[in-house]
Amino acid sequence: MNERRVRFTATARRHVDREQTWWLERRDYQGLFATEVESALKILAVLPGAGTPYVRANVPGLRRLYLDKLVAHLYYTCDDEEVVIRAFWGARREHGPNLR
């Protein structure tokens, strides 16, 4: 099975940093944030089709994976060699991230 490289855009990195800071300041089980994100990245490296297509953004091939315990989505694109994480966005928001 081909494991893809996973990388973050600068925007996605900012999103994760912001959400992790918020989580660490306001939640018990502080290690849960990192554990959930790392688990999702491992899944996407092996099974990038695990997420669902997200057509509301004008980004060809954009998909998202729901992280149940964090109530958030990882938005990403992929090809045969890598998965590019483009956003980390709270699922309770009334709109998705602004991606180009």
PDB file of N, CA and C in Angstrom:
ATOM      1  N   MET A   1       0.852  -1.181   0.000  1.00  0.00           N
ATOM      2  CA  MET A   1       0.000   0.000   0.000  1.00  0.00           C
ATOM      3  C   MET A   1       0.895   1.240   0.000  1.00  0.00           C
ATOM      4  N   ASN A   2       0.574   2.161  -0.860  1.00  0.00           N
ATOM      5  CA  ASN A   2       1.360   3.375  -1.021  1.00  0.00           C
ATOM      6  C   ASN A   2       0.980   4.406   0.042  1.00  0.00           C
ATOM      7  N   GLU A   3       1.937   4.762   0.887  1.00  0.00           N
ATOM      8  CA  GLU A   3       1.680   5.794   1.891  1.00  0.00           C
ATOM      9  C   GLU A   3       2.133   7.135   1.330  1.00  0.00           C
ATOM     10  N   ARG A   4       1.248   8.083   1.318  1.00  0.00           N
ATOM     11  CA  ARG A   4       1.538   9.404   0.766  1.00  0.00           C
ATOM     12  C   ARG A   4       2.174  10.308   1.821  1.00  0.00           C
ATOM     13  N   ARG A   5       2.962  11.226   1.329  1.00  0.00           N
ATOM     14  CA  ARG A   5       3.517  12.274   2.182  1.00  0.00           C
ATOM     15  C   ARG A   5       2.368  13.228   2.524  1.00  0.00           C
ATOM     16  N   VAL A   6       2.346  13.739   3.740  1.00  0.00           N
ATOM     17  CA  VAL A   6       1.316  14.697   4.159  1.00  0.00           C
ATOM     18  C   VAL A   6       2.003  16.006   4.508  1.00  0.00           C
ATOM     19  N   ARG A   7       1.501  17.097   3.938  1.00  0.00           N
ATOM     20  CA  ARG A   7       2.047  18.410   4.272  1.00  0.00           C
ATOM     21  C   ARG A   7       0.909  19.402   4.463  1.00  0.00           C
ATOM     22  N   PHE A   8       1.220  20.478   5.158  1.00  0.00           N
ATOM     23  CA  PHE A   8       0.245  21.532   5.445  1.00  0.00           C
ATOM     24  C   PHE A   8       0.586  22.781   4.643  1.00  0.00           C
ATOM     25  N   THR A   9      -0.437  23.476   4.165  1.00  0.00           N
ATOM     26  CA  THR A   9      -0.213  24.808   3.623  1.00  0.00           C
ATOM     27  C   THR A   9       0.008  25.742   4.810  1.00  0.00           C
ATOM     28  N   ALA A  10       0.517  26.936   4.544  1.00  0.00           N
ATOM     29  CA  ALA A  10       0.709  27.917   5.616  1.00  0.00           C
ATOM     30  C   ALA A  10      -0.631  28.261   6.274  1.00  0.00           C
ATOM     31  N   THR A  11      -1.676  28.362   5.475  1.00  0.00           N
ATOM     32  CA  THR A  11      -3.006  28.660   6.003  1.00  0.00           C
ATOM     33  C   THR A  11      -3.471  27.557   6.948  1.00  0.00           C
ATOM     34  N   ALA A  12      -3.335  26.319   6.532  1.00  0.00           N
ATOM     35  CA  ALA A  12      -3.749  25.197   7.377  1.00  0.00           C
ATOM     36  C   ALA A  12      -2.938  25.149   8.662  1.00  0.00           C
ATOM     37  N   ARG A  13      -1.651  25.428   8.574  1.00  0.00           N
ATOM     38  CA  ARG A  13      -0.801  25.427   9.772  1.00  0.00           C
ATOM     39  C   ARG A  13      -1.282  26.486  10.757  1.00  0.00           C
ATOM     40  N   ARG A  14      -1.633  27.674  10.250  1.00  0.00           N
ATOM     41  CA  ARG A  14      -2.168  28.729  11.123  1.00  0.00           C
ATOM     42  C   ARG A  14      -3.473  28.282  11.783  1.00  0.00           C
ATOM     43  N   HIS A  15      -4.345  27.651  11.004  1.00  0.00           N
ATOM     44  CA  HIS A  15      -5.613  27.159  11.553  1.00  0.00           C
ATOM     45  C   HIS A  15      -5.368  26.169  12.687  1.00  0.00           C
ATOM     46  N   VAL A  16      -4.496  25.207  12.456  1.00  0.00           N
ATOM     47  CA  VAL A  16      -4.215  24.192  13.474  1.00  0.00           C
ATOM     48  C   VAL A  16      -3.607  24.838  14.714  1.00  0.00           C
ATOM     49  N   ASP A  17      -2.659  25.731  14.517  1.00  0.00           N
ATOM     50  CA  ASP A  17      -2.034  26.408  15.669  1.00  0.00           C
ATOM     51  C   ASP A  17      -3.066  27.186  16.483  1.00  0.00           C
ATOM     52  N   ARG A  18      -3.945  27.908  15.799  1.00  0.00           N
ATOM     53  CA  ARG A  18      -4.986  28.688  16.475  1.00  0.00           C
ATOM     54  C   ARG A  18      -5.936  27.788  17.246  1.00  0.00           C
ATOM     55  N   GLU A  19      -6.400  26.729  16.612  1.00  0.00           N
ATOM     56  CA  GLU A  19      -7.349  25.828  17.266  1.00  0.00           C
ATOM     57  C   GLU A  19      -6.706  25.053  18.410  1.00  0.00           C
ATOM     58  N   GLN A  20      -5.446  24.675  18.245  1.00  0.00           N
ATOM     59  CA  GLN A  20      -4.760  23.961  19.316  1.00  0.00           C
ATOM     60  C   GLN A  20      -4.573  24.866  20.534  1.00  0.00           C
ATOM     61  N   THR A  21      -4.207  26.121  20.305  1.00  0.00           N
ATOM     62  CA  THR A  21      -4.073  27.073  21.407  1.00  0.00           C
ATOM     63  C   THR A  21      -5.396  27.217  22.137  1.00  0.00           C
ATOM     64  N   TRP A  22      -6.482  27.372  21.384  1.00  0.00           N
ATOM     65  CA  TRP A  22      -7.803  27.500  21.988  1.00  0.00           C
ATOM     66  C   TRP A  22      -8.122  26.257  22.811  1.00  0.00           C
ATOM     67  N   TRP A  23      -7.875  25.077  22.234  1.00  0.00           N
ATOM     68  CA  TRP A  23      -8.176  23.809  22.905  1.00  0.00           C
ATOM     69  C   TRP A  23      -7.404  23.688  24.220  1.00  0.00           C
ATOM     70  N   LEU A  24      -6.112  23.994  24.172  1.00  0.00           N
ATOM     71  CA  LEU A  24      -5.268  23.843  25.358  1.00  0.00           C
ATOM     72  C   LEU A  24      -5.662  24.804  26.471  1.00  0.00           C
ATOM     73  N   GLU A  25      -6.209  25.962  26.113  1.00  0.00           N
ATOM     74  CA  GLU A  25      -6.623  26.937  27.116  1.00  0.00           C
ATOM     75  C   GLU A  25      -7.992  26.632  27.725  1.00  0.00           C
ATOM     76  N   ARG A  26      -8.833  25.864  27.035  1.00  0.00           N
ATOM     77  CA  ARG A  26     -10.226  25.740  27.458  1.00  0.00           C
ATOM     78  C   ARG A  26     -10.722  24.319  27.702  1.00  0.00           C
ATOM     79  N   ARG A  27      -9.953  23.323  27.377  1.00  0.00           N
ATOM     80  CA  ARG A  27     -10.457  21.954  27.465  1.00  0.00           C
ATOM     81  C   ARG A  27      -9.640  21.084  28.404  1.00  0.00           C
ATOM     82  N   ASP A  28     -10.324  20.128  29.016  1.00  0.00           N
ATOM     83  CA  ASP A  28      -9.635  19.045  29.703  1.00  0.00           C
ATOM     84  C   ASP A  28      -9.124  18.098  28.615  1.00  0.00           C
ATOM     85  N   TYR A  29      -8.404  17.085  28.984  1.00  0.00           N
ATOM     86  CA  TYR A  29      -7.877  16.120  28.021  1.00  0.00           C
ATOM     87  C   TYR A  29      -7.099  16.812  26.915  1.00  0.00           C
ATOM     88  N   GLN A  30      -6.130  17.590  27.319  1.00  0.00           N
ATOM     89  CA  GLN A  30      -5.390  18.421  26.379  1.00  0.00           C
ATOM     90  C   GLN A  30      -4.676  17.620  25.298  1.00  0.00           C
ATOM     91  N   GLY A  31      -4.277  16.395  25.602  1.00  0.00           N
ATOM     92  CA  GLY A  31      -3.592  15.574  24.606  1.00  0.00           C
ATOM     93  C   GLY A  31      -4.497  15.080  23.498  1.00  0.00           C
ATOM     94  N   LEU A  32      -5.803  15.201  23.696  1.00  0.00           N
ATOM     95  CA  LEU A  32      -6.754  14.725  22.702  1.00  0.00           C
ATOM     96  C   LEU A  32      -6.596  15.439  21.364  1.00  0.00           C
ATOM     97  N   PHE A  33      -6.326  16.724  21.391  1.00  0.00           N
ATOM     98  CA  PHE A  33      -6.206  17.477  20.146  1.00  0.00           C
ATOM     99  C   PHE A  33      -5.115  16.877  19.260  1.00  0.00           C
ATOM    100  N   ALA A  34      -3.920  16.749  19.800  1.00  0.00           N
ATOM    101  CA  ALA A  34      -2.801  16.216  19.011  1.00  0.00           C
ATOM    102  C   ALA A  34      -3.065  14.779  18.578  1.00  0.00           C
ATOM    103  N   THR A  35      -3.627  13.977  19.463  1.00  0.00           N
ATOM    104  CA  THR A  35      -3.914  12.577  19.135  1.00  0.00           C
ATOM    105  C   THR A  35      -4.888  12.469  17.973  1.00  0.00           C
ATOM    106  N   GLU A  36      -5.936  13.262  18.003  1.00  0.00           N
ATOM    107  CA  GLU A  36      -6.942  13.214  16.942  1.00  0.00           C
ATOM    108  C   GLU A  36      -6.386  13.696  15.597  1.00  0.00           C
ATOM    109  N   VAL A  37      -5.625  14.764  15.612  1.00  0.00           N
ATOM    110  CA  VAL A  37      -5.048  15.267  14.364  1.00  0.00           C
ATOM    111  C   VAL A  37      -4.052  14.253  13.806  1.00  0.00           C
ATOM    112  N   GLU A  38      -3.188  13.710  14.642  1.00  0.00           N
ATOM    113  CA  GLU A  38      -2.206  12.726  14.185  1.00  0.00           C
ATOM    114  C   GLU A  38      -2.890  11.486  13.616  1.00  0.00           C
ATOM    115  N   SER A  39      -3.955  11.021  14.251  1.00  0.00           N
ATOM    116  CA  SER A  39      -4.695   9.857  13.747  1.00  0.00           C
ATOM    117  C   SER A  39      -5.294  10.142  12.370  1.00  0.00           C
ATOM    118  N   ALA A  40      -5.866  11.324  12.218  1.00  0.00           N
ATOM    119  CA  ALA A  40      -6.448  11.705  10.927  1.00  0.00           C
ATOM    120  C   ALA A  40      -5.382  11.753   9.837  1.00  0.00           C
ATOM    121  N   LEU A  41      -4.212  12.285  10.164  1.00  0.00           N
ATOM    122  CA  LEU A  41      -3.137  12.374   9.169  1.00  0.00           C
ATOM    123  C   LEU A  41      -2.656  10.985   8.755  1.00  0.00           C
ATOM    124  N   LYS A  42      -2.600  10.067   9.693  1.00  0.00           N
ATOM    125  CA  LYS A  42      -2.206   8.693   9.360  1.00  0.00           C
ATOM    126  C   LYS A  42      -3.228   8.046   8.432  1.00  0.00           C
ATOM    127  N   ILE A  43      -4.498   8.277   8.698  1.00  0.00           N
ATOM    128  CA  ILE A  43      -5.551   7.738   7.838  1.00  0.00           C
ATOM    129  C   ILE A  43      -5.416   8.304   6.430  1.00  0.00           C
ATOM    130  N   LEU A  44      -5.257   9.625   6.329  1.00  0.00           N
ATOM    131  CA  LEU A  44      -5.179  10.254   5.013  1.00  0.00           C
ATOM    132  C   LEU A  44      -3.939   9.841   4.235  1.00  0.00           C
ATOM    133  N   ALA A  45      -2.851   9.564   4.925  1.00  0.00           N
ATOM    134  CA  ALA A  45      -1.622   9.138   4.244  1.00  0.00           C
ATOM    135  C   ALA A  45      -1.831   7.804   3.533  1.00  0.00           C
ATOM    136  N   VAL A  46      -2.689   6.952   4.095  1.00  0.00           N
ATOM    137  CA  VAL A  46      -2.914   5.628   3.526  1.00  0.00           C
ATOM    138  C   VAL A  46      -4.209   5.559   2.719  1.00  0.00           C
ATOM    139  N   LEU A  47      -5.229   6.261   3.182  1.00  0.00           N
ATOM    140  CA  LEU A  47      -6.553   6.208   2.555  1.00  0.00           C
ATOM    141  C   LEU A  47      -7.098   7.606   2.292  1.00  0.00           C
ATOM    142  N   PRO A  48      -6.529   8.329   1.355  1.00  0.00           N
ATOM    143  CA  PRO A  48      -6.981   9.705   1.138  1.00  0.00           C
ATOM    144  C   PRO A  48      -8.431   9.818   0.681  1.00  0.00           C
ATOM    145  N   GLY A  49      -9.004   8.729   0.212  1.00  0.00           N
ATOM    146  CA  GLY A  49     -10.411   8.746  -0.168  1.00  0.00           C
ATOM    147  C   GLY A  49     -11.344   8.621   1.014  1.00  0.00           C
ATOM    148  N   ALA A  50     -10.789   8.567   2.240  1.00  0.00           N
ATOM    149  CA  ALA A  50     -11.614   8.419   3.443  1.00  0.00           C
ATOM    150  C   ALA A  50     -12.510   9.630   3.662  1.00  0.00           C
ATOM    151  N   GLY A  51     -12.105  10.776   3.201  1.00  0.00           N
ATOM    152  CA  GLY A  51     -12.922  11.973   3.358  1.00  0.00           C
ATOM    153  C   GLY A  51     -13.999  12.043   2.294  1.00  0.00           C
ATOM    154  N   THR A  52     -14.807  13.073   2.380  1.00  0.00           N
ATOM    155  CA  THR A  52     -15.877  13.270   1.400  1.00  0.00           C
ATOM    156  C   THR A  52     -15.562  14.478   0.523  1.00  0.00           C
ATOM    157  N   PRO A  53     -16.013  14.463  -0.731  1.00  0.00           N
ATOM    158  CA  PRO A  53     -15.790  15.625  -1.593  1.00  0.00           C
ATOM    159  C   PRO A  53     -16.458  16.870  -1.010  1.00  0.00           C
ATOM    160  N   TYR A  54     -15.785  18.016  -1.197  1.00  0.00           N
ATOM    161  CA  TYR A  54     -16.331  19.292  -0.748  1.00  0.00           C
ATOM    162  C   TYR A  54     -16.333  20.223  -1.949  1.00  0.00           C
ATOM    163  N   VAL A  55     -17.497  20.442  -2.515  1.00  0.00           N
ATOM    164  CA  VAL A  55     -17.599  21.186  -3.765  1.00  0.00           C
ATOM    165  C   VAL A  55     -17.949  22.655  -3.581  1.00  0.00           C
ATOM    166  N   ARG A  56     -18.147  23.103  -2.357  1.00  0.00           N
ATOM    167  CA  ARG A  56     -18.528  24.499  -2.127  1.00  0.00           C
ATOM    168  C   ARG A  56     -17.379  25.476  -2.318  1.00  0.00           C
ATOM    169  N   ALA A  57     -16.166  24.982  -2.352  1.00  0.00           N
ATOM    170  CA  ALA A  57     -15.002  25.844  -2.593  1.00  0.00           C
ATOM    171  C   ALA A  57     -14.562  25.639  -4.037  1.00  0.00           C
ATOM    172  N   ASN A  58     -13.936  26.611  -4.598  1.00  0.00           N
ATOM    173  CA  ASN A  58     -13.485  26.534  -5.982  1.00  0.00           C
ATOM    174  C   ASN A  58     -12.083  25.923  -6.044  1.00  0.00           C
ATOM    175  N   VAL A  59     -11.955  24.726  -5.456  1.00  0.00           N
ATOM    176  CA  VAL A  59     -10.675  24.016  -5.429  1.00  0.00           C
ATOM    177  C   VAL A  59     -10.921  22.617  -5.982  1.00  0.00           C
ATOM    178  N   PRO A  60     -10.393  22.322  -7.164  1.00  0.00           N
ATOM    179  CA  PRO A  60     -10.602  21.000  -7.749  1.00  0.00           C
ATOM    180  C   PRO A  60     -10.078  19.889  -6.834  1.00  0.00           C
ATOM    181  N   GLY A  61     -10.898  18.867  -6.644  1.00  0.00           N
ATOM    182  CA  GLY A  61     -10.494  17.705  -5.868  1.00  0.00           C
ATOM    183  C   GLY A  61     -10.494  17.895  -4.364  1.00  0.00           C
ATOM    184  N   LEU A  62     -11.042  19.001  -3.878  1.00  0.00           N
ATOM    185  CA  LEU A  62     -11.040  19.262  -2.439  1.00  0.00           C
ATOM    186  C   LEU A  62     -11.950  18.260  -1.719  1.00  0.00           C
ATOM    187  N   ARG A  63     -11.441  17.731  -0.617  1.00  0.00           N
ATOM    188  CA  ARG A  63     -12.171  16.792   0.221  1.00  0.00           C
ATOM    189  C   ARG A  63     -12.065  17.254   1.664  1.00  0.00           C
ATOM    190  N   ARG A  64     -12.885  16.656   2.533  1.00  0.00           N
ATOM    191  CA  ARG A  64     -12.754  16.959   3.952  1.00  0.00           C
ATOM    192  C   ARG A  64     -12.987  15.689   4.762  1.00  0.00           C
ATOM    193  N   LEU A  65     -12.280  15.635   5.883  1.00  0.00           N
ATOM    194  CA  LEU A  65     -12.390  14.513   6.806  1.00  0.00           C
ATOM    195  C   LEU A  65     -12.866  15.058   8.142  1.00  0.00           C
ATOM    196  N   TYR A  66     -13.933  14.479   8.661  1.00  0.00           N
ATOM    197  CA  TYR A  66     -14.519  14.927   9.917  1.00  0.00           C
ATOM    198  C   TYR A  66     -13.778  14.306  11.088  1.00  0.00           C
ATOM    199  N   LEU A  67     -13.388  15.147  12.056  1.00  0.00           N
ATOM    200  CA  LEU A  67     -12.755  14.689  13.289  1.00  0.00           C
ATOM    201  C   LEU A  67     -13.805  14.818  14.393  1.00  0.00           C
ATOM    202  N   ASP A  68     -14.432  13.719  14.695  1.00  0.00           N
ATOM    203  CA  ASP A  68     -15.588  13.680  15.584  1.00  0.00           C
ATOM    204  C   ASP A  68     -15.306  14.286  16.961  1.00  0.00           C
ATOM    205  N   LYS A  69     -14.226  13.898  17.595  1.00  0.00           N
ATOM    206  CA  LYS A  69     -13.950  14.361  18.961  1.00  0.00           C
ATOM    207  C   LYS A  69     -13.568  15.835  19.013  1.00  0.00           C
ATOM    208  N   LEU A  70     -13.101  16.389  17.899  1.00  0.00           N
ATOM    209  CA  LEU A  70     -12.740  17.804  17.855  1.00  0.00           C
ATOM    210  C   LEU A  70     -13.842  18.647  17.217  1.00  0.00           C
ATOM    211  N   VAL A  71     -14.845  18.001  16.655  1.00  0.00           N
ATOM    212  CA  VAL A  71     -15.948  18.662  15.950  1.00  0.00           C
ATOM    213  C   VAL A  71     -15.374  19.635  14.912  1.00  0.00           C
ATOM    214  N   ALA A  72     -14.537  19.088  14.051  1.00  0.00           N
ATOM    215  CA  ALA A  72     -13.853  19.901  13.036  1.00  0.00           C
ATOM    216  C   ALA A  72     -13.595  19.056  11.795  1.00  0.00           C
ATOM    217  N   HIS A  73     -13.272  19.743  10.709  1.00  0.00           N
ATOM    218  CA  HIS A  73     -12.905  19.076   9.462  1.00  0.00           C
ATOM    219  C   HIS A  73     -11.472  19.436   9.078  1.00  0.00           C
ATOM    220  N   LEU A  74     -10.778  18.469   8.505  1.00  0.00           N
ATOM    221  CA  LEU A  74      -9.533  18.735   7.788  1.00  0.00           C
ATOM    222  C   LEU A  74      -9.901  18.786   6.312  1.00  0.00           C
ATOM    223  N   TYR A  75      -9.601  19.891   5.665  1.00  0.00           N
ATOM    224  CA  TYR A  75      -9.845  20.049   4.230  1.00  0.00           C
ATOM    225  C   TYR A  75      -8.541  19.762   3.514  1.00  0.00           C
ATOM    226  N   TYR A  76      -8.582  18.971   2.435  1.00  0.00           N
ATOM    227  CA  TYR A  76      -7.347  18.554   1.787  1.00  0.00           C
ATOM    228  C   TYR A  76      -7.562  18.208   0.323  1.00  0.00           C
ATOM    229  N   THR A  77      -6.471  18.183  -0.397  1.00  0.00           N
ATOM    230  CA  THR A  77      -6.414  17.645  -1.747  1.00  0.00           C
ATOM    231  C   THR A  77      -5.332  16.577  -1.750  1.00  0.00           C
ATOM    232  N   CYS A  78      -5.343  15.726  -2.754  1.00  0.00           N
ATOM    233  CA  CYS A  78      -4.336  14.672  -2.796  1.00  0.00           C
ATOM    234  C   CYS A  78      -4.075  14.235  -4.231  1.00  0.00           C
ATOM    235  N   ASP A  79      -2.931  13.604  -4.397  1.00  0.00           N
ATOM    236  CA  ASP A  79      -2.604  12.932  -5.643  1.00  0.00           C
ATOM    237  C   ASP A  79      -1.925  11.616  -5.269  1.00  0.00           C
ATOM    238  N   ASP A  80      -1.266  10.976  -6.205  1.00  0.00           N
ATOM    239  CA  ASP A  80      -0.656   9.670  -5.932  1.00  0.00           C
ATOM    240  C   ASP A  80       0.517   9.741  -4.966  1.00  0.00           C
ATOM    241  N   GLU A  81       1.080  10.933  -4.758  1.00  0.00           N
ATOM    242  CA  GLU A  81       2.275  11.044  -3.937  1.00  0.00           C
ATOM    243  C   GLU A  81       2.089  11.790  -2.620  1.00  0.00           C
ATOM    244  N   GLU A  82       1.144  12.730  -2.572  1.00  0.00           N
ATOM    245  CA  GLU A  82       1.002  13.505  -1.339  1.00  0.00           C
ATOM    246  C   GLU A  82      -0.428  13.937  -1.066  1.00  0.00           C
ATOM    247  N   VAL A  83      -0.648  14.239   0.201  1.00  0.00           N
ATOM    248  CA  VAL A  83      -1.898  14.828   0.687  1.00  0.00           C
ATOM    249  C   VAL A  83      -1.532  16.221   1.175  1.00  0.00           C
ATOM    250  N   VAL A  84      -2.265  17.216   0.711  1.00  0.00           N
ATOM    251  CA  VAL A  84      -2.013  18.600   1.116  1.00  0.00           C
ATOM    252  C   VAL A  84      -3.179  19.058   1.989  1.00  0.00           C
ATOM    253  N   ILE A  85      -2.892  19.285   3.261  1.00  0.00           N
ATOM    254  CA  ILE A  85      -3.912  19.788   4.181  1.00  0.00           C
ATOM    255  C   ILE A  85      -4.043  21.286   3.919  1.00  0.00           C
ATOM    256  N   ARG A  86      -5.244  21.718   3.565  1.00  0.00           N
ATOM    257  CA  ARG A  86      -5.471  23.104   3.173  1.00  0.00           C
ATOM    258  C   ARG A  86      -6.176  23.931   4.239  1.00  0.00           C
ATOM    259  N   ALA A  87      -6.874  23.266   5.169  1.00  0.00           N
ATOM    260  CA  ALA A  87      -7.562  23.998   6.234  1.00  0.00           C
ATOM    261  C   ALA A  87      -7.959  23.038   7.352  1.00  0.00           C
ATOM    262  N   PHE A  88      -8.070  23.608   8.543  1.00  0.00           N
ATOM    263  CA  PHE A  88      -8.645  22.933   9.699  1.00  0.00           C
ATOM    264  C   PHE A  88      -9.746  23.860  10.165  1.00  0.00           C
ATOM    265  N   TRP A  89     -10.990  23.385  10.144  1.00  0.00           N
ATOM    266  CA  TRP A  89     -12.116  24.298  10.317  1.00  0.00           C
ATOM    267  C   TRP A  89     -13.184  23.674  11.196  1.00  0.00           C
ATOM    268  N   GLY A  90     -13.675  24.418  12.151  1.00  0.00           N
ATOM    269  CA  GLY A  90     -14.726  23.943  13.035  1.00  0.00           C
ATOM    270  C   GLY A  90     -15.989  23.579  12.275  1.00  0.00           C
ATOM    271  N   ALA A  91     -16.544  22.415  12.569  1.00  0.00           N
ATOM    272  CA  ALA A  91     -17.735  21.935  11.860  1.00  0.00           C
ATOM    273  C   ALA A  91     -19.000  22.682  12.265  1.00  0.00           C
ATOM    274  N   ARG A  92     -18.971  23.368  13.391  1.00  0.00           N
ATOM    275  CA  ARG A  92     -20.163  24.103  13.842  1.00  0.00           C
ATOM    276  C   ARG A  92     -20.320  25.458  13.160  1.00  0.00           C
ATOM    277  N   ARG A  93     -19.303  25.877  12.455  1.00  0.00           N
ATOM    278  CA  ARG A  93     -19.415  27.154  11.758  1.00  0.00           C
ATOM    279  C   ARG A  93     -20.446  27.042  10.653  1.00  0.00           C
ATOM    280  N   GLU A  94     -21.046  28.144  10.312  1.00  0.00           N
ATOM    281  CA  GLU A  94     -22.099  28.131   9.300  1.00  0.00           C
ATOM    282  C   GLU A  94     -21.565  28.169   7.874  1.00  0.00           C
ATOM    283  N   HIS A  95     -20.260  28.172   7.724  1.00  0.00           N
ATOM    284  CA  HIS A  95     -19.656  28.197   6.395  1.00  0.00           C
ATOM    285  C   HIS A  95     -18.305  27.502   6.469  1.00  0.00           C
ATOM    286  N   GLY A  96     -17.806  27.121   5.305  1.00  0.00           N
ATOM    287  CA  GLY A  96     -16.494  26.493   5.243  1.00  0.00           C
ATOM    288  C   GLY A  96     -15.394  27.550   5.149  1.00  0.00           C
ATOM    289  N   PRO A  97     -14.153  27.119   5.119  1.00  0.00           N
ATOM    290  CA  PRO A  97     -13.031  28.052   5.026  1.00  0.00           C
ATOM    291  C   PRO A  97     -12.971  28.715   3.653  1.00  0.00           C
ATOM    292  N   ASN A  98     -12.334  29.862   3.606  1.00  0.00           N
ATOM    293  CA  ASN A  98     -12.113  30.574   2.351  1.00  0.00           C
ATOM    294  C   ASN A  98     -10.847  30.021   1.710  1.00  0.00           C
ATOM    295  N   LEU A  99     -11.000  29.178   0.720  1.00  0.00           N
ATOM    296  CA  LEU A  99      -9.853  28.547   0.059  1.00  0.00           C
ATOM    297  C   LEU A  99      -9.823  28.933  -1.401  1.00  0.00           C
ATOM    298  N   ARG A 100      -8.603  29.009  -1.914  1.00  0.00           N
ATOM    299  CA  ARG A 100      -8.412  29.299  -3.348  1.00  0.00           C
ATOM    300  C   ARG A 100      -7.504  28.282  -3.956  1.00  0.00           C
TER     301      ARG A 100
END
